[in-house]
Amino acid sequence: MVLAAGGTSFLSHLLGSQTNTGDGYLTAAEAGAEMSGMEFTAA
């Protein structure tokens, strides 16, 4: 299954990212989802 919930670039100084807090990922994790492929970054 793929979760398309936006990003988690909060406080990364990326233009327009001040509201990308990763709430979708938190909700999925609380529901028991296993996270995979989270190591990708733009830094």
PDB file of N, CA and C in Angstrom:
ATOM      1  N   MET A   1       0.848  -1.173   0.000  1.00  0.00           N
ATOM      2  CA  MET A   1       0.000   0.000   0.000  1.00  0.00           C
ATOM      3  C   MET A   1       0.893   1.236   0.000  1.00  0.00           C
ATOM      4  N   VAL A   2       0.454   2.264  -0.674  1.00  0.00           N
ATOM      5  CA  VAL A   2       1.192   3.525  -0.754  1.00  0.00           C
ATOM      6  C   VAL A   2       0.373   4.616  -0.088  1.00  0.00           C
ATOM      7  N   LEU A   3       1.021   5.398   0.748  1.00  0.00           N
ATOM      8  CA  LEU A   3       0.366   6.527   1.401  1.00  0.00           C
ATOM      9  C   LEU A   3       0.859   7.811   0.740  1.00  0.00           C
ATOM     10  N   ALA A   4      -0.030   8.565   0.168  1.00  0.00           N
ATOM     11  CA  ALA A   4       0.310   9.862  -0.425  1.00  0.00           C
ATOM     12  C   ALA A   4      -0.273  10.944   0.469  1.00  0.00           C
ATOM     13  N   ALA A   5       0.541  11.437   1.400  1.00  0.00           N
ATOM     14  CA  ALA A   5       0.020  12.353   2.409  1.00  0.00           C
ATOM     15  C   ALA A   5       0.798  13.660   2.488  1.00  0.00           C
ATOM     16  N   GLY A   6       1.539  13.996   1.464  1.00  0.00           N
ATOM     17  CA  GLY A   6       2.319  15.227   1.526  1.00  0.00           C
ATOM     18  C   GLY A   6       3.689  14.968   2.115  1.00  0.00           C
ATOM     19  N   GLY A   7       4.348  16.010   2.495  1.00  0.00           N
ATOM     20  CA  GLY A   7       5.733  15.889   2.941  1.00  0.00           C
ATOM     21  C   GLY A   7       5.954  16.155   4.407  1.00  0.00           C
ATOM     22  N   THR A   8       7.214  16.073   4.783  1.00  0.00           N
ATOM     23  CA  THR A   8       7.621  16.358   6.153  1.00  0.00           C
ATOM     24  C   THR A   8       8.820  17.291   6.144  1.00  0.00           C
ATOM     25  N   SER A   9       8.727  18.358   5.387  1.00  0.00           N
ATOM     26  CA  SER A   9       9.858  19.278   5.257  1.00  0.00           C
ATOM     27  C   SER A   9       9.730  20.480   6.180  1.00  0.00           C
ATOM     28  N   PHE A  10       9.028  20.326   7.277  1.00  0.00           N
ATOM     29  CA  PHE A  10       8.815  21.414   8.235  1.00  0.00           C
ATOM     30  C   PHE A  10      10.163  21.913   8.766  1.00  0.00           C
ATOM     31  N   LEU A  11      10.335  23.220   8.782  1.00  0.00           N
ATOM     32  CA  LEU A  11      11.551  23.901   9.251  1.00  0.00           C
ATOM     33  C   LEU A  11      12.792  23.572   8.420  1.00  0.00           C
ATOM     34  N   SER A  12      12.632  23.147   7.172  1.00  0.00           N
ATOM     35  CA  SER A  12      13.786  22.840   6.336  1.00  0.00           C
ATOM     36  C   SER A  12      14.179  24.017   5.450  1.00  0.00           C
ATOM     37  N   HIS A  13      13.512  25.150   5.587  1.00  0.00           N
ATOM     38  CA  HIS A  13      13.757  26.359   4.803  1.00  0.00           C
ATOM     39  C   HIS A  13      13.406  26.184   3.338  1.00  0.00           C
ATOM     40  N   LEU A  14      12.626  25.163   3.006  1.00  0.00           N
ATOM     41  CA  LEU A  14      12.116  24.968   1.660  1.00  0.00           C
ATOM     42  C   LEU A  14      10.943  25.912   1.467  1.00  0.00           C
ATOM     43  N   LEU A  15      10.891  26.609   0.344  1.00  0.00           N
ATOM     44  CA  LEU A  15       9.842  27.583   0.095  1.00  0.00           C
ATOM     45  C   LEU A  15       8.456  26.936   0.173  1.00  0.00           C
ATOM     46  N   GLY A  16       7.600  27.461   1.027  1.00  0.00           N
ATOM     47  CA  GLY A  16       6.236  26.970   1.159  1.00  0.00           C
ATOM     48  C   GLY A  16       6.083  25.723   2.014  1.00  0.00           C
ATOM     49  N   SER A  17       7.071  25.380   2.815  1.00  0.00           N
ATOM     50  CA  SER A  17       7.019  24.124   3.571  1.00  0.00           C
ATOM     51  C   SER A  17       6.679  24.303   5.049  1.00  0.00           C
ATOM     52  N   GLN A  18       6.268  25.474   5.450  1.00  0.00           N
ATOM     53  CA  GLN A  18       6.022  25.721   6.870  1.00  0.00           C
ATOM     54  C   GLN A  18       4.854  24.926   7.432  1.00  0.00           C
ATOM     55  N   THR A  19       4.006  24.342   6.580  1.00  0.00           N
ATOM     56  CA  THR A  19       2.874  23.567   7.074  1.00  0.00           C
ATOM     57  C   THR A  19       3.016  22.077   6.771  1.00  0.00           C
ATOM     58  N   ASN A  20       4.154  21.645   6.244  1.00  0.00           N
ATOM     59  CA  ASN A  20       4.380  20.229   5.930  1.00  0.00           C
ATOM     60  C   ASN A  20       4.920  19.510   7.166  1.00  0.00           C
ATOM     61  N   THR A  21       4.038  19.202   8.096  1.00  0.00           N
ATOM     62  CA  THR A  21       4.465  18.655   9.385  1.00  0.00           C
ATOM     63  C   THR A  21       4.430  17.134   9.457  1.00  0.00           C
ATOM     64  N   GLY A  22       3.967  16.464   8.413  1.00  0.00           N
ATOM     65  CA  GLY A  22       3.956  15.011   8.413  1.00  0.00           C
ATOM     66  C   GLY A  22       2.820  14.384   9.190  1.00  0.00           C
ATOM     67  N   ASP A  23       1.724  15.091   9.338  1.00  0.00           N
ATOM     68  CA  ASP A  23       0.587  14.572  10.102  1.00  0.00           C
ATOM     69  C   ASP A  23       0.013  13.294   9.498  1.00  0.00           C
ATOM     70  N   GLY A  24       0.060  13.163   8.183  1.00  0.00           N
ATOM     71  CA  GLY A  24      -0.440  11.950   7.529  1.00  0.00           C
ATOM     72  C   GLY A  24       0.371  10.728   7.917  1.00  0.00           C
ATOM     73  N   TYR A  25       1.698  10.899   7.999  1.00  0.00           N
ATOM     74  CA  TYR A  25       2.569   9.793   8.412  1.00  0.00           C
ATOM     75  C   TYR A  25       2.324   9.416   9.871  1.00  0.00           C
ATOM     76  N   LEU A  26       2.113  10.414  10.719  1.00  0.00           N
ATOM     77  CA  LEU A  26       1.833  10.153  12.130  1.00  0.00           C
ATOM     78  C   LEU A  26       0.531   9.378  12.289  1.00  0.00           C
ATOM     79  N   THR A  27      -0.492   9.773  11.553  1.00  0.00           N
ATOM     80  CA  THR A  27      -1.777   9.083  11.615  1.00  0.00           C
ATOM     81  C   THR A  27      -1.649   7.632  11.174  1.00  0.00           C
ATOM     82  N   ALA A  28      -0.908   7.407  10.082  1.00  0.00           N
ATOM     83  CA  ALA A  28      -0.707   6.042   9.591  1.00  0.00           C
ATOM     84  C   ALA A  28       0.069   5.201  10.599  1.00  0.00           C
ATOM     85  N   ALA A  29       1.107   5.773  11.205  1.00  0.00           N
ATOM     86  CA  ALA A  29       1.902   5.041  12.191  1.00  0.00           C
ATOM     87  C   ALA A  29       1.060   4.685  13.415  1.00  0.00           C
ATOM     88  N   GLU A  30       0.213   5.612  13.849  1.00  0.00           N
ATOM     89  CA  GLU A  30      -0.653   5.333  14.993  1.00  0.00           C
ATOM     90  C   GLU A  30      -1.674   4.252  14.680  1.00  0.00           C
ATOM     91  N   ALA A  31      -2.013   4.099  13.401  1.00  0.00           N
ATOM     92  CA  ALA A  31      -2.961   3.062  12.990  1.00  0.00           C
ATOM     93  C   ALA A  31      -2.270   1.721  12.767  1.00  0.00           C
ATOM     94  N   GLY A  32      -0.934   1.682  12.918  1.00  0.00           N
ATOM     95  CA  GLY A  32      -0.211   0.423  12.811  1.00  0.00           C
ATOM     96  C   GLY A  32       0.520   0.192  11.507  1.00  0.00           C
ATOM     97  N   ALA A  33       0.623   1.211  10.669  1.00  0.00           N
ATOM     98  CA  ALA A  33       1.321   1.054   9.387  1.00  0.00           C
ATOM     99  C   ALA A  33       2.825   0.899   9.606  1.00  0.00           C
ATOM    100  N   GLU A  34       3.468   0.113   8.748  1.00  0.00           N
ATOM    101  CA  GLU A  34       4.922  -0.021   8.763  1.00  0.00           C
ATOM    102  C   GLU A  34       5.500   0.953   7.754  1.00  0.00           C
ATOM    103  N   MET A  35       6.492   1.732   8.173  1.00  0.00           N
ATOM    104  CA  MET A  35       7.099   2.722   7.299  1.00  0.00           C
ATOM    105  C   MET A  35       8.280   2.116   6.544  1.00  0.00           C
ATOM    106  N   SER A  36       8.389   2.483   5.271  1.00  0.00           N
ATOM    107  CA  SER A  36       9.479   1.991   4.440  1.00  0.00           C
ATOM    108  C   SER A  36       9.863   3.094   3.452  1.00  0.00           C
ATOM    109  N   GLY A  37      11.140   3.215   3.145  1.00  0.00           N
ATOM    110  CA  GLY A  37      11.592   4.205   2.187  1.00  0.00           C
ATOM    111  C   GLY A  37      11.617   5.613   2.731  1.00  0.00           C
ATOM    112  N   MET A  38      11.748   5.762   4.042  1.00  0.00           N
ATOM    113  CA  MET A  38      11.726   7.090   4.653  1.00  0.00           C
ATOM    114  C   MET A  38      13.102   7.749   4.665  1.00  0.00           C
ATOM    115  N   GLU A  39      14.122   7.109   4.085  1.00  0.00           N
ATOM    116  CA  GLU A  39      15.469   7.650   4.156  1.00  0.00           C
ATOM    117  C   GLU A  39      15.773   8.689   3.084  1.00  0.00           C
ATOM    118  N   PHE A  40      14.842   8.946   2.177  1.00  0.00           N
ATOM    119  CA  PHE A  40      15.101   9.900   1.106  1.00  0.00           C
ATOM    120  C   PHE A  40      15.021  11.328   1.628  1.00  0.00           C
ATOM    121  N   THR A  41      15.937  12.170   1.189  1.00  0.00           N
ATOM    122  CA  THR A  41      15.997  13.544   1.665  1.00  0.00           C
ATOM    123  C   THR A  41      16.505  14.452   0.567  1.00  0.00           C
ATOM    124  N   ALA A  42      16.206  15.718   0.668  1.00  0.00           N
ATOM    125  CA  ALA A  42      16.692  16.703  -0.293  1.00  0.00           C
ATOM    126  C   ALA A  42      17.877  17.460   0.271  1.00  0.00           C
ATOM    127  N   ALA A  43      18.273  17.157   1.489  1.00  0.00           N
ATOM    128  CA  ALA A  43      19.377  17.877   2.130  1.00  0.00           C
ATOM    129  C   ALA A  43      20.707  17.447   1.559  1.00  0.00           C
TER     130      ALA A  43
END
